[in-house]
Amino acid sequence: MIRRRSFRQVLLLIVLLLGALVWQNRSHLQAFPGIVGAYSAKEYCSCRYVVNNPAAYCLAYVAQYVPLSGFFDDPANKRVTARGLGSTQSAQWQGARQGCQLLAEAVPLPDA
């Protein structure tokens, strides 16, 4: 009886501590979905259009543990769009001195 009760109390304490930790970092957790697509778009754009590496190499370079649900490379406009965790981000090559920059408004992914 005592063992079961202490186990429940420890479990409740852990849940409360995790809840407090989530609440304390809620703004960071809300920003996380945008980071996945932004990182992939920006790094792929830089790899492909600034450093001029092959597309296959750059795709492997930006591969993450969290997979992308959509990815589109527009070589004509030197623009990359990546979608991960429900957030779509785009990056475009600005020039030789500026490199690639995230766009304020993401370009929609084309229908597959």
PDB file of N, CA and C in Angstrom:
ATOM      1  N   MET A   1       0.819  -1.192   0.000  1.00  0.00           N
ATOM      2  CA  MET A   1       0.000   0.000   0.000  1.00  0.00           C
ATOM      3  C   MET A   1       0.866   1.261   0.000  1.00  0.00           C
ATOM      4  N   ILE A   2       1.868   1.284   0.826  1.00  0.00           N
ATOM      5  CA  ILE A   2       2.743   2.449   0.912  1.00  0.00           C
ATOM      6  C   ILE A   2       3.552   2.578  -0.382  1.00  0.00           C
ATOM      7  N   ARG A   3       3.993   1.471  -0.928  1.00  0.00           N
ATOM      8  CA  ARG A   3       4.797   1.491  -2.141  1.00  0.00           C
ATOM      9  C   ARG A   3       3.976   2.039  -3.318  1.00  0.00           C
ATOM     10  N   ARG A   4       2.736   1.609  -3.456  1.00  0.00           N
ATOM     11  CA  ARG A   4       1.884   2.064  -4.546  1.00  0.00           C
ATOM     12  C   ARG A   4       1.582   3.552  -4.410  1.00  0.00           C
ATOM     13  N   ARG A   5       1.337   3.981  -3.199  1.00  0.00           N
ATOM     14  CA  ARG A   5       1.029   5.380  -2.966  1.00  0.00           C
ATOM     15  C   ARG A   5       2.223   6.278  -3.276  1.00  0.00           C
ATOM     16  N   SER A   6       3.414   5.860  -2.891  1.00  0.00           N
ATOM     17  CA  SER A   6       4.606   6.666  -3.166  1.00  0.00           C
ATOM     18  C   SER A   6       4.897   6.694  -4.668  1.00  0.00           C
ATOM     19  N   PHE A   7       4.608   5.609  -5.359  1.00  0.00           N
ATOM     20  CA  PHE A   7       4.806   5.573  -6.803  1.00  0.00           C
ATOM     21  C   PHE A   7       3.878   6.585  -7.487  1.00  0.00           C
ATOM     22  N   ARG A   8       2.640   6.637  -7.065  1.00  0.00           N
ATOM     23  CA  ARG A   8       1.688   7.604  -7.629  1.00  0.00           C
ATOM     24  C   ARG A   8       2.116   9.036  -7.337  1.00  0.00           C
ATOM     25  N   GLN A   9       2.605   9.267  -6.149  1.00  0.00           N
ATOM     26  CA  GLN A   9       3.040  10.614  -5.792  1.00  0.00           C
ATOM     27  C   GLN A   9       4.254  11.038  -6.622  1.00  0.00           C
ATOM     28  N   VAL A  10       5.188  10.123  -6.817  1.00  0.00           N
ATOM     29  CA  VAL A  10       6.366  10.434  -7.639  1.00  0.00           C
ATOM     30  C   VAL A  10       5.943  10.678  -9.082  1.00  0.00           C
ATOM     31  N   LEU A  11       5.036   9.856  -9.596  1.00  0.00           N
ATOM     32  CA  LEU A  11       4.544  10.030 -10.957  1.00  0.00           C
ATOM     33  C   LEU A  11       3.821  11.376 -11.110  1.00  0.00           C
ATOM     34  N   LEU A  12       3.011  11.733 -10.156  1.00  0.00           N
ATOM     35  CA  LEU A  12       2.311  13.014 -10.178  1.00  0.00           C
ATOM     36  C   LEU A  12       3.306  14.175 -10.119  1.00  0.00           C
ATOM     37  N   LEU A  13       4.322  14.055  -9.297  1.00  0.00           N
ATOM     38  CA  LEU A  13       5.345  15.092  -9.198  1.00  0.00           C
ATOM     39  C   LEU A  13       6.081  15.262 -10.533  1.00  0.00           C
ATOM     40  N   ILE A  14       6.406  14.160 -11.185  1.00  0.00           N
ATOM     41  CA  ILE A  14       7.081  14.222 -12.492  1.00  0.00           C
ATOM     42  C   ILE A  14       6.186  14.902 -13.521  1.00  0.00           C
ATOM     43  N   VAL A  15       4.918  14.553 -13.546  1.00  0.00           N
ATOM     44  CA  VAL A  15       3.978  15.169 -14.492  1.00  0.00           C
ATOM     45  C   VAL A  15       3.858  16.667 -14.220  1.00  0.00           C
ATOM     46  N   LEU A  16       3.778  17.061 -12.976  1.00  0.00           N
ATOM     47  CA  LEU A  16       3.691  18.480 -12.636  1.00  0.00           C
ATOM     48  C   LEU A  16       4.959  19.233 -13.035  1.00  0.00           C
ATOM     49  N   LEU A  17       6.111  18.629 -12.810  1.00  0.00           N
ATOM     50  CA  LEU A  17       7.370  19.272 -13.200  1.00  0.00           C
ATOM     51  C   LEU A  17       7.478  19.413 -14.714  1.00  0.00           C
ATOM     52  N   LEU A  18       7.063  18.385 -15.453  1.00  0.00           N
ATOM     53  CA  LEU A  18       7.074  18.478 -16.913  1.00  0.00           C
ATOM     54  C   LEU A  18       6.105  19.548 -17.402  1.00  0.00           C
ATOM     55  N   GLY A  19       4.938  19.626 -16.787  1.00  0.00           N
ATOM     56  CA  GLY A  19       3.972  20.665 -17.145  1.00  0.00           C
ATOM     57  C   GLY A  19       4.523  22.056 -16.901  1.00  0.00           C
ATOM     58  N   ALA A  20       5.197  22.254 -15.778  1.00  0.00           N
ATOM     59  CA  ALA A  20       5.801  23.553 -15.469  1.00  0.00           C
ATOM     60  C   ALA A  20       6.910  23.888 -16.469  1.00  0.00           C
ATOM     61  N   LEU A  21       7.693  22.886 -16.853  1.00  0.00           N
ATOM     62  CA  LEU A  21       8.771  23.096 -17.820  1.00  0.00           C
ATOM     63  C   LEU A  21       8.210  23.477 -19.184  1.00  0.00           C
ATOM     64  N   VAL A  22       7.153  22.805 -19.609  1.00  0.00           N
ATOM     65  CA  VAL A  22       6.509  23.132 -20.883  1.00  0.00           C
ATOM     66  C   VAL A  22       5.938  24.549 -20.833  1.00  0.00           C
ATOM     67  N   TRP A  23       5.269  24.894 -19.742  1.00  0.00           N
ATOM     68  CA  TRP A  23       4.686  26.226 -19.617  1.00  0.00           C
ATOM     69  C   TRP A  23       5.759  27.316 -19.649  1.00  0.00           C
ATOM     70  N   GLN A  24       6.872  27.065 -18.997  1.00  0.00           N
ATOM     71  CA  GLN A  24       7.956  28.036 -18.943  1.00  0.00           C
ATOM     72  C   GLN A  24       8.570  28.248 -20.332  1.00  0.00           C
ATOM     73  N   ASN A  25       8.601  27.209 -21.166  1.00  0.00           N
ATOM     74  CA  ASN A  25       9.237  27.292 -22.485  1.00  0.00           C
ATOM     75  C   ASN A  25       8.222  27.296 -23.627  1.00  0.00           C
ATOM     76  N   ARG A  26       7.002  27.715 -23.369  1.00  0.00           N
ATOM     77  CA  ARG A  26       5.945  27.638 -24.371  1.00  0.00           C
ATOM     78  C   ARG A  26       6.244  28.460 -25.620  1.00  0.00           C
ATOM     79  N   SER A  27       6.877  29.622 -25.488  1.00  0.00           N
ATOM     80  CA  SER A  27       7.180  30.435 -26.676  1.00  0.00           C
ATOM     81  C   SER A  27       8.219  29.750 -27.558  1.00  0.00           C
ATOM     82  N   HIS A  28       9.179  29.087 -26.948  1.00  0.00           N
ATOM     83  CA  HIS A  28      10.182  28.355 -27.714  1.00  0.00           C
ATOM     84  C   HIS A  28       9.556  27.159 -28.417  1.00  0.00           C
ATOM     85  N   LEU A  29       8.665  26.479 -27.738  1.00  0.00           N
ATOM     86  CA  LEU A  29       8.001  25.322 -28.335  1.00  0.00           C
ATOM     87  C   LEU A  29       7.083  25.736 -29.480  1.00  0.00           C
ATOM     88  N   GLN A  30       6.470  26.902 -29.395  1.00  0.00           N
ATOM     89  CA  GLN A  30       5.624  27.392 -30.478  1.00  0.00           C
ATOM     90  C   GLN A  30       6.441  27.772 -31.703  1.00  0.00           C
ATOM     91  N   ALA A  31       7.663  28.211 -31.521  1.00  0.00           N
ATOM     92  CA  ALA A  31       8.512  28.618 -32.636  1.00  0.00           C
ATOM     93  C   ALA A  31       9.151  27.429 -33.350  1.00  0.00           C
ATOM     94  N   PHE A  32       9.220  26.290 -32.700  1.00  0.00           N
ATOM     95  CA  PHE A  32       9.940  25.143 -33.248  1.00  0.00           C
ATOM     96  C   PHE A  32       9.451  24.694 -34.624  1.00  0.00           C
ATOM     97  N   PRO A  33       8.149  24.585 -34.909  1.00  0.00           N
ATOM     98  CA  PRO A  33       7.739  24.130 -36.239  1.00  0.00           C
ATOM     99  C   PRO A  33       8.284  24.994 -37.377  1.00  0.00           C
ATOM    100  N   GLY A  34       8.389  26.284 -37.187  1.00  0.00           N
ATOM    101  CA  GLY A  34       8.920  27.160 -38.225  1.00  0.00           C
ATOM    102  C   GLY A  34      10.403  26.982 -38.456  1.00  0.00           C
ATOM    103  N   ILE A  35      11.105  26.523 -37.451  1.00  0.00           N
ATOM    104  CA  ILE A  35      12.550  26.363 -37.559  1.00  0.00           C
ATOM    105  C   ILE A  35      12.910  25.235 -38.515  1.00  0.00           C
ATOM    106  N   VAL A  36      12.131  24.168 -38.528  1.00  0.00           N
ATOM    107  CA  VAL A  36      12.442  22.997 -39.356  1.00  0.00           C
ATOM    108  C   VAL A  36      12.446  23.378 -40.839  1.00  0.00           C
ATOM    109  N   GLY A  37      11.384  24.007 -41.311  1.00  0.00           N
ATOM    110  CA  GLY A  37      11.311  24.407 -42.714  1.00  0.00           C
ATOM    111  C   GLY A  37      12.304  25.504 -43.056  1.00  0.00           C
ATOM    112  N   ALA A  38      12.475  26.464 -42.149  1.00  0.00           N
ATOM    113  CA  ALA A  38      13.391  27.576 -42.400  1.00  0.00           C
ATOM    114  C   ALA A  38      14.832  27.095 -42.511  1.00  0.00           C
ATOM    115  N   TYR A  39      15.241  26.209 -41.616  1.00  0.00           N
ATOM    116  CA  TYR A  39      16.600  25.673 -41.669  1.00  0.00           C
ATOM    117  C   TYR A  39      16.834  24.953 -42.987  1.00  0.00           C
ATOM    118  N   SER A  40      15.896  24.093 -43.362  1.00  0.00           N
ATOM    119  CA  SER A  40      16.058  23.300 -44.583  1.00  0.00           C
ATOM    120  C   SER A  40      16.107  24.187 -45.816  1.00  0.00           C
ATOM    121  N   ALA A  41      15.201  25.153 -45.915  1.00  0.00           N
ATOM    122  CA  ALA A  41      15.171  26.033 -47.086  1.00  0.00           C
ATOM    123  C   ALA A  41      16.443  26.875 -47.181  1.00  0.00           C
ATOM    124  N   LYS A  42      16.832  27.477 -46.082  1.00  0.00           N
ATOM    125  CA  LYS A  42      18.003  28.377 -46.089  1.00  0.00           C
ATOM    126  C   LYS A  42      19.297  27.616 -46.345  1.00  0.00           C
ATOM    127  N   GLU A  43      19.485  26.504 -45.659  1.00  0.00           N
ATOM    128  CA  GLU A  43      20.730  25.756 -45.826  1.00  0.00           C
ATOM    129  C   GLU A  43      20.825  25.103 -47.201  1.00  0.00           C
ATOM    130  N   TYR A  44      19.706  24.594 -47.721  1.00  0.00           N
ATOM    131  CA  TYR A  44      19.730  24.008 -49.063  1.00  0.00           C
ATOM    132  C   TYR A  44      20.032  25.087 -50.092  1.00  0.00           C
ATOM    133  N   CYS A  45      19.395  26.246 -49.963  1.00  0.00           N
ATOM    134  CA  CYS A  45      19.640  27.348 -50.887  1.00  0.00           C
ATOM    135  C   CYS A  45      21.115  27.749 -50.877  1.00  0.00           C
ATOM    136  N   SER A  46      21.686  27.865 -49.706  1.00  0.00           N
ATOM    137  CA  SER A  46      23.102  28.235 -49.604  1.00  0.00           C
ATOM    138  C   SER A  46      23.999  27.153 -50.188  1.00  0.00           C
ATOM    139  N   CYS A  47      23.692  25.917 -49.889  1.00  0.00           N
ATOM    140  CA  CYS A  47      24.491  24.795 -50.393  1.00  0.00           C
ATOM    141  C   CYS A  47      24.428  24.730 -51.917  1.00  0.00           C
ATOM    142  N   ARG A  48      23.239  24.907 -52.454  1.00  0.00           N
ATOM    143  CA  ARG A  48      23.008  24.730 -53.891  1.00  0.00           C
ATOM    144  C   ARG A  48      23.436  25.940 -54.710  1.00  0.00           C
ATOM    145  N   TYR A  49      23.080  27.143 -54.288  1.00  0.00           N
ATOM    146  CA  TYR A  49      23.262  28.318 -55.137  1.00  0.00           C
ATOM    147  C   TYR A  49      24.420  29.224 -54.728  1.00  0.00           C
ATOM    148  N   VAL A  50      24.879  29.135 -53.504  1.00  0.00           N
ATOM    149  CA  VAL A  50      26.042  29.925 -53.101  1.00  0.00           C
ATOM    150  C   VAL A  50      27.317  29.111 -53.300  1.00  0.00           C
ATOM    151  N   VAL A  51      27.298  27.869 -52.833  1.00  0.00           N
ATOM    152  CA  VAL A  51      28.483  27.010 -52.916  1.00  0.00           C
ATOM    153  C   VAL A  51      28.500  26.202 -54.213  1.00  0.00           C
ATOM    154  N   ASN A  52      27.353  26.130 -54.913  1.00  0.00           N
ATOM    155  CA  ASN A  52      27.212  25.416 -56.195  1.00  0.00           C
ATOM    156  C   ASN A  52      27.459  23.915 -56.086  1.00  0.00           C
ATOM    157  N   ASN A  53      26.963  23.296 -55.031  1.00  0.00           N
ATOM    158  CA  ASN A  53      27.045  21.842 -54.889  1.00  0.00           C
ATOM    159  C   ASN A  53      25.897  21.188 -55.652  1.00  0.00           C
ATOM    160  N   PRO A  54      26.033  19.892 -55.984  1.00  0.00           N
ATOM    161  CA  PRO A  54      24.939  19.184 -56.670  1.00  0.00           C
ATOM    162  C   PRO A  54      23.706  19.057 -55.773  1.00  0.00           C
ATOM    163  N   ALA A  55      22.543  18.944 -56.403  1.00  0.00           N
ATOM    164  CA  ALA A  55      21.274  18.882 -55.673  1.00  0.00           C
ATOM    165  C   ALA A  55      21.227  17.687 -54.724  1.00  0.00           C
ATOM    166  N   ALA A  56      21.693  16.526 -55.158  1.00  0.00           N
ATOM    167  CA  ALA A  56      21.646  15.331 -54.302  1.00  0.00           C
ATOM    168  C   ALA A  56      22.491  15.526 -53.049  1.00  0.00           C
ATOM    169  N   TYR A  57      23.644  16.142 -53.189  1.00  0.00           N
ATOM    170  CA  TYR A  57      24.502  16.397 -52.036  1.00  0.00           C
ATOM    171  C   TYR A  57      23.811  17.334 -51.051  1.00  0.00           C
ATOM    172  N   CYS A  58      23.187  18.387 -51.569  1.00  0.00           N
ATOM    173  CA  CYS A  58      22.533  19.376 -50.701  1.00  0.00           C
ATOM    174  C   CYS A  58      21.323  18.785 -49.988  1.00  0.00           C
ATOM    175  N   LEU A  59      20.575  17.896 -50.662  1.00  0.00           N
ATOM    176  CA  LEU A  59      19.452  17.235 -49.990  1.00  0.00           C
ATOM    177  C   LEU A  59      19.942  16.393 -48.825  1.00  0.00           C
ATOM    178  N   ALA A  60      21.035  15.686 -49.026  1.00  0.00           N
ATOM    179  CA  ALA A  60      21.597  14.890 -47.934  1.00  0.00           C
ATOM    180  C   ALA A  60      22.147  15.792 -46.830  1.00  0.00           C
ATOM    181  N   TYR A  61      22.680  16.941 -47.209  1.00  0.00           N
ATOM    182  CA  TYR A  61      23.263  17.880 -46.248  1.00  0.00           C
ATOM    183  C   TYR A  61      22.216  18.438 -45.290  1.00  0.00           C
ATOM    184  N   VAL A  62      20.999  18.699 -45.784  1.00  0.00           N
ATOM    185  CA  VAL A  62      19.971  19.312 -44.943  1.00  0.00           C
ATOM    186  C   VAL A  62      19.042  18.276 -44.309  1.00  0.00           C
ATOM    187  N   ALA A  63      19.298  16.992 -44.525  1.00  0.00           N
ATOM    188  CA  ALA A  63      18.446  15.950 -43.935  1.00  0.00           C
ATOM    189  C   ALA A  63      18.486  16.065 -42.415  1.00  0.00           C
ATOM    190  N   GLN A  64      17.302  15.953 -41.797  1.00  0.00           N
ATOM    191  CA  GLN A  64      17.176  16.088 -40.357  1.00  0.00           C
ATOM    192  C   GLN A  64      16.448  14.885 -39.785  1.00  0.00           C
ATOM    193  N   TYR A  65      16.445  14.804 -38.481  1.00  0.00           N
ATOM    194  CA  TYR A  65      15.708  13.745 -37.798  1.00  0.00           C
ATOM    195  C   TYR A  65      14.210  13.921 -38.016  1.00  0.00           C
ATOM    196  N   VAL A  66      13.752  15.166 -38.014  1.00  0.00           N
ATOM    197  CA  VAL A  66      12.348  15.467 -38.295  1.00  0.00           C
ATOM    198  C   VAL A  66      12.223  15.601 -39.813  1.00  0.00           C
ATOM    199  N   PRO A  67      11.482  14.702 -40.468  1.00  0.00           N
ATOM    200  CA  PRO A  67      11.415  14.745 -41.930  1.00  0.00           C
ATOM    201  C   PRO A  67      10.562  15.908 -42.445  1.00  0.00           C
ATOM    202  N   LEU A  68      10.853  16.317 -43.664  1.00  0.00           N
ATOM    203  CA  LEU A  68      10.072  17.354 -44.321  1.00  0.00           C
ATOM    204  C   LEU A  68       8.856  16.716 -44.975  1.00  0.00           C
ATOM    205  N   SER A  69       7.724  17.420 -44.953  1.00  0.00           N
ATOM    206  CA  SER A  69       6.533  16.903 -45.610  1.00  0.00           C
ATOM    207  C   SER A  69       6.418  17.443 -47.031  1.00  0.00           C
ATOM    208  N   GLY A  70       7.226  18.419 -47.391  1.00  0.00           N
ATOM    209  CA  GLY A  70       7.246  18.955 -48.739  1.00  0.00           C
ATOM    210  C   GLY A  70       8.531  19.708 -48.998  1.00  0.00           C
ATOM    211  N   PHE A  71       9.019  19.610 -50.235  1.00  0.00           N
ATOM    212  CA  PHE A  71      10.258  20.293 -50.585  1.00  0.00           C
ATOM    213  C   PHE A  71      10.209  20.598 -52.074  1.00  0.00           C
ATOM    214  N   PHE A  72      10.558  21.826 -52.457  1.00  0.00           N
ATOM    215  CA  PHE A  72      10.553  22.205 -53.859  1.00  0.00           C
ATOM    216  C   PHE A  72      11.728  23.135 -54.135  1.00  0.00           C
ATOM    217  N   ASP A  73      12.488  22.790 -55.153  1.00  0.00           N
ATOM    218  CA  ASP A  73      13.627  23.589 -55.595  1.00  0.00           C
ATOM    219  C   ASP A  73      13.268  24.173 -56.957  1.00  0.00           C
ATOM    220  N   ASP A  74      13.274  25.497 -57.069  1.00  0.00           N
ATOM    221  CA  ASP A  74      12.979  26.184 -58.318  1.00  0.00           C
ATOM    222  C   ASP A  74      14.281  26.760 -58.864  1.00  0.00           C
ATOM    223  N   PRO A  75      15.007  25.985 -59.694  1.00  0.00           N
ATOM    224  CA  PRO A  75      16.312  26.451 -60.187  1.00  0.00           C
ATOM    225  C   PRO A  75      16.229  27.715 -61.052  1.00  0.00           C
ATOM    226  N   ALA A  76      15.117  27.907 -61.757  1.00  0.00           N
ATOM    227  CA  ALA A  76      14.988  29.083 -62.619  1.00  0.00           C
ATOM    228  C   ALA A  76      15.020  30.379 -61.804  1.00  0.00           C
ATOM    229  N   ASN A  77      14.363  30.379 -60.647  1.00  0.00           N
ATOM    230  CA  ASN A  77      14.334  31.564 -59.779  1.00  0.00           C
ATOM    231  C   ASN A  77      15.304  31.458 -58.612  1.00  0.00           C
ATOM    232  N   LYS A  78      16.007  30.348 -58.526  1.00  0.00           N
ATOM    233  CA  LYS A  78      16.932  30.078 -57.414  1.00  0.00           C
ATOM    234  C   LYS A  78      16.220  30.260 -56.083  1.00  0.00           C
ATOM    235  N   ARG A  79      15.066  29.604 -55.985  1.00  0.00           N
ATOM    236  CA  ARG A  79      14.220  29.679 -54.796  1.00  0.00           C
ATOM    237  C   ARG A  79      13.940  28.272 -54.291  1.00  0.00           C
ATOM    238  N   VAL A  80      13.954  28.108 -52.979  1.00  0.00           N
ATOM    239  CA  VAL A  80      13.714  26.820 -52.341  1.00  0.00           C
ATOM    240  C   VAL A  80      12.575  26.981 -51.345  1.00  0.00           C
ATOM    241  N   THR A  81      11.640  26.037 -51.359  1.00  0.00           N
ATOM    242  CA  THR A  81      10.526  26.045 -50.418  1.00  0.00           C
ATOM    243  C   THR A  81      10.510  24.712 -49.689  1.00  0.00           C
ATOM    244  N   ALA A  82      10.440  24.755 -48.361  1.00  0.00           N
ATOM    245  CA  ALA A  82      10.424  23.538 -47.543  1.00  0.00           C
ATOM    246  C   ALA A  82       9.269  23.614 -46.560  1.00  0.00           C
ATOM    247  N   ARG A  83       8.615  22.458 -46.362  1.00  0.00           N
ATOM    248  CA  ARG A  83       7.505  22.373 -45.417  1.00  0.00           C
ATOM    249  C   ARG A  83       7.820  21.289 -44.404  1.00  0.00           C
ATOM    250  N   GLY A  84       7.774  21.660 -43.136  1.00  0.00           N
ATOM    251  CA  GLY A  84       8.017  20.712 -42.054  1.00  0.00           C
ATOM    252  C   GLY A  84       7.192  21.066 -40.842  1.00  0.00           C
ATOM    253  N   LEU A  85       6.544  20.093 -40.244  1.00  0.00           N
ATOM    254  CA  LEU A  85       5.691  20.274 -39.070  1.00  0.00           C
ATOM    255  C   LEU A  85       4.596  21.314 -39.304  1.00  0.00           C
ATOM    256  N   GLY A  86       4.070  21.341 -40.534  1.00  0.00           N
ATOM    257  CA  GLY A  86       2.953  22.227 -40.844  1.00  0.00           C
ATOM    258  C   GLY A  86       3.322  23.658 -41.167  1.00  0.00           C
ATOM    259  N   SER A  87       4.589  23.999 -41.191  1.00  0.00           N
ATOM    260  CA  SER A  87       5.033  25.355 -41.469  1.00  0.00           C
ATOM    261  C   SER A  87       5.843  25.370 -42.766  1.00  0.00           C
ATOM    262  N   THR A  88       5.500  26.268 -43.681  1.00  0.00           N
ATOM    263  CA  THR A  88       6.192  26.374 -44.969  1.00  0.00           C
ATOM    264  C   THR A  88       7.068  27.616 -44.971  1.00  0.00           C
ATOM    265  N   GLN A  89       8.324  27.444 -45.354  1.00  0.00           N
ATOM    266  CA  GLN A  89       9.285  28.539 -45.412  1.00  0.00           C
ATOM    267  C   GLN A  89       9.986  28.513 -46.763  1.00  0.00           C
ATOM    268  N   SER A  90      10.350  29.691 -47.266  1.00  0.00           N
ATOM    269  CA  SER A  90      11.052  29.806 -48.540  1.00  0.00           C
ATOM    270  C   SER A  90      12.317  30.638 -48.375  1.00  0.00           C
ATOM    271  N   ALA A  91      13.318  30.293 -49.172  1.00  0.00           N
ATOM    272  CA  ALA A  91      14.562  31.058 -49.223  1.00  0.00           C
ATOM    273  C   ALA A  91      14.914  31.273 -50.688  1.00  0.00           C
ATOM    274  N   GLN A  92      15.507  32.426 -50.984  1.00  0.00           N
ATOM    275  CA  GLN A  92      15.868  32.734 -52.364  1.00  0.00           C
ATOM    276  C   GLN A  92      17.263  33.339 -52.410  1.00  0.00           C
ATOM    277  N   TRP A  93      17.983  32.980 -53.467  1.00  0.00           N
ATOM    278  CA  TRP A  93      19.314  33.514 -53.696  1.00  0.00           C
ATOM    279  C   TRP A  93      19.183  34.980 -54.083  1.00  0.00           C
ATOM    280  N   GLN A  94      19.901  35.863 -53.375  1.00  0.00           N
ATOM    281  CA  GLN A  94      19.795  37.311 -53.593  1.00  0.00           C
ATOM    282  C   GLN A  94      20.901  37.850 -54.495  1.00  0.00           C
ATOM    283  N   GLY A  95      22.021  37.180 -54.512  1.00  0.00           N
ATOM    284  CA  GLY A  95      23.148  37.653 -55.307  1.00  0.00           C
ATOM    285  C   GLY A  95      24.451  37.115 -54.745  1.00  0.00           C
ATOM    286  N   ALA A  96      25.535  37.381 -55.455  1.00  0.00           N
ATOM    287  CA  ALA A  96      26.839  36.846 -55.052  1.00  0.00           C
ATOM    288  C   ALA A  96      27.282  37.377 -53.692  1.00  0.00           C
ATOM    289  N   ARG A  97      27.001  38.619 -53.379  1.00  0.00           N
ATOM    290  CA  ARG A  97      27.436  39.185 -52.105  1.00  0.00           C
ATOM    291  C   ARG A  97      26.457  38.930 -50.973  1.00  0.00           C
ATOM    292  N   GLN A  98      25.167  38.810 -51.287  1.00  0.00           N
ATOM    293  CA  GLN A  98      24.147  38.636 -50.252  1.00  0.00           C
ATOM    294  C   GLN A  98      23.871  37.169 -49.931  1.00  0.00           C
ATOM    295  N   GLY A  99      24.087  36.281 -50.863  1.00  0.00           N
ATOM    296  CA  GLY A  99      23.803  34.863 -50.643  1.00  0.00           C
ATOM    297  C   GLY A  99      22.305  34.604 -50.635  1.00  0.00           C
ATOM    298  N   CYS A 100      21.872  33.673 -49.804  1.00  0.00           N
ATOM    299  CA  CYS A 100      20.459  33.308 -49.711  1.00  0.00           C
ATOM    300  C   CYS A 100      19.821  33.975 -48.499  1.00  0.00           C
ATOM    301  N   GLN A 101      18.535  34.272 -48.640  1.00  0.00           N
ATOM    302  CA  GLN A 101      17.804  34.925 -47.562  1.00  0.00           C
ATOM    303  C   GLN A 101      16.418  34.303 -47.452  1.00  0.00           C
ATOM    304  N   LEU A 102      15.959  34.131 -46.213  1.00  0.00           N
ATOM    305  CA  LEU A 102      14.594  33.658 -46.003  1.00  0.00           C
ATOM    306  C   LEU A 102      13.621  34.730 -46.464  1.00  0.00           C
ATOM    307  N   LEU A 103      12.555  34.302 -47.125  1.00  0.00           N
ATOM    308  CA  LEU A 103      11.534  35.236 -47.596  1.00  0.00           C
ATOM    309  C   LEU A 103      10.515  35.450 -46.479  1.00  0.00           C
ATOM    310  N   ALA A 104       9.983  36.654 -46.406  1.00  0.00           N
ATOM    311  CA  ALA A 104       9.006  36.980 -45.371  1.00  0.00           C
ATOM    312  C   ALA A 104       7.728  36.175 -45.549  1.00  0.00           C
ATOM    313  N   GLU A 105       7.348  35.927 -46.795  1.00  0.00           N
ATOM    314  CA  GLU A 105       6.150  35.151 -47.072  1.00  0.00           C
ATOM    315  C   GLU A 105       6.545  33.934 -47.880  1.00  0.00           C
ATOM    316  N   ALA A 106       6.168  32.769 -47.403  1.00  0.00           N
ATOM    317  CA  ALA A 106       6.551  31.531 -48.056  1.00  0.00           C
ATOM    318  C   ALA A 106       5.805  31.380 -49.373  1.00  0.00           C
ATOM    319  N   VAL A 107       6.510  30.871 -50.377  1.00  0.00           N
ATOM    320  CA  VAL A 107       5.919  30.566 -51.666  1.00  0.00           C
ATOM    321  C   VAL A 107       5.217  29.220 -51.524  1.00  0.00           C
ATOM    322  N   PRO A 108       3.952  29.086 -51.963  1.00  0.00           N
ATOM    323  CA  PRO A 108       3.253  27.800 -51.811  1.00  0.00           C
ATOM    324  C   PRO A 108       3.952  26.696 -52.598  1.00  0.00           C
ATOM    325  N   LEU A 109       3.904  25.507 -52.043  1.00  0.00           N
ATOM    326  CA  LEU A 109       4.465  24.349 -52.733  1.00  0.00           C
ATOM    327  C   LEU A 109       3.566  23.991 -53.903  1.00  0.00           C
ATOM    328  N   PRO A 110       4.146  23.629 -55.054  1.00  0.00           N
ATOM    329  CA  PRO A 110       3.310  23.215 -56.187  1.00  0.00           C
ATOM    330  C   PRO A 110       2.672  21.875 -55.907  1.00  0.00           C
ATOM    331  N   ASP A 111       1.532  21.614 -56.536  1.00  0.00           N
ATOM    332  CA  ASP A 111       0.860  20.328 -56.362  1.00  0.00           C
ATOM    333  C   ASP A 111       1.714  19.226 -56.981  1.00  0.00           C
ATOM    334  N   ALA A 112       1.783  18.119 -56.248  1.00  0.00           N
ATOM    335  CA  ALA A 112       2.630  17.012 -56.720  1.00  0.00           C
ATOM    336  C   ALA A 112       1.951  16.215 -57.785  1.00  0.00           C
TER     337      ALA A 112
END
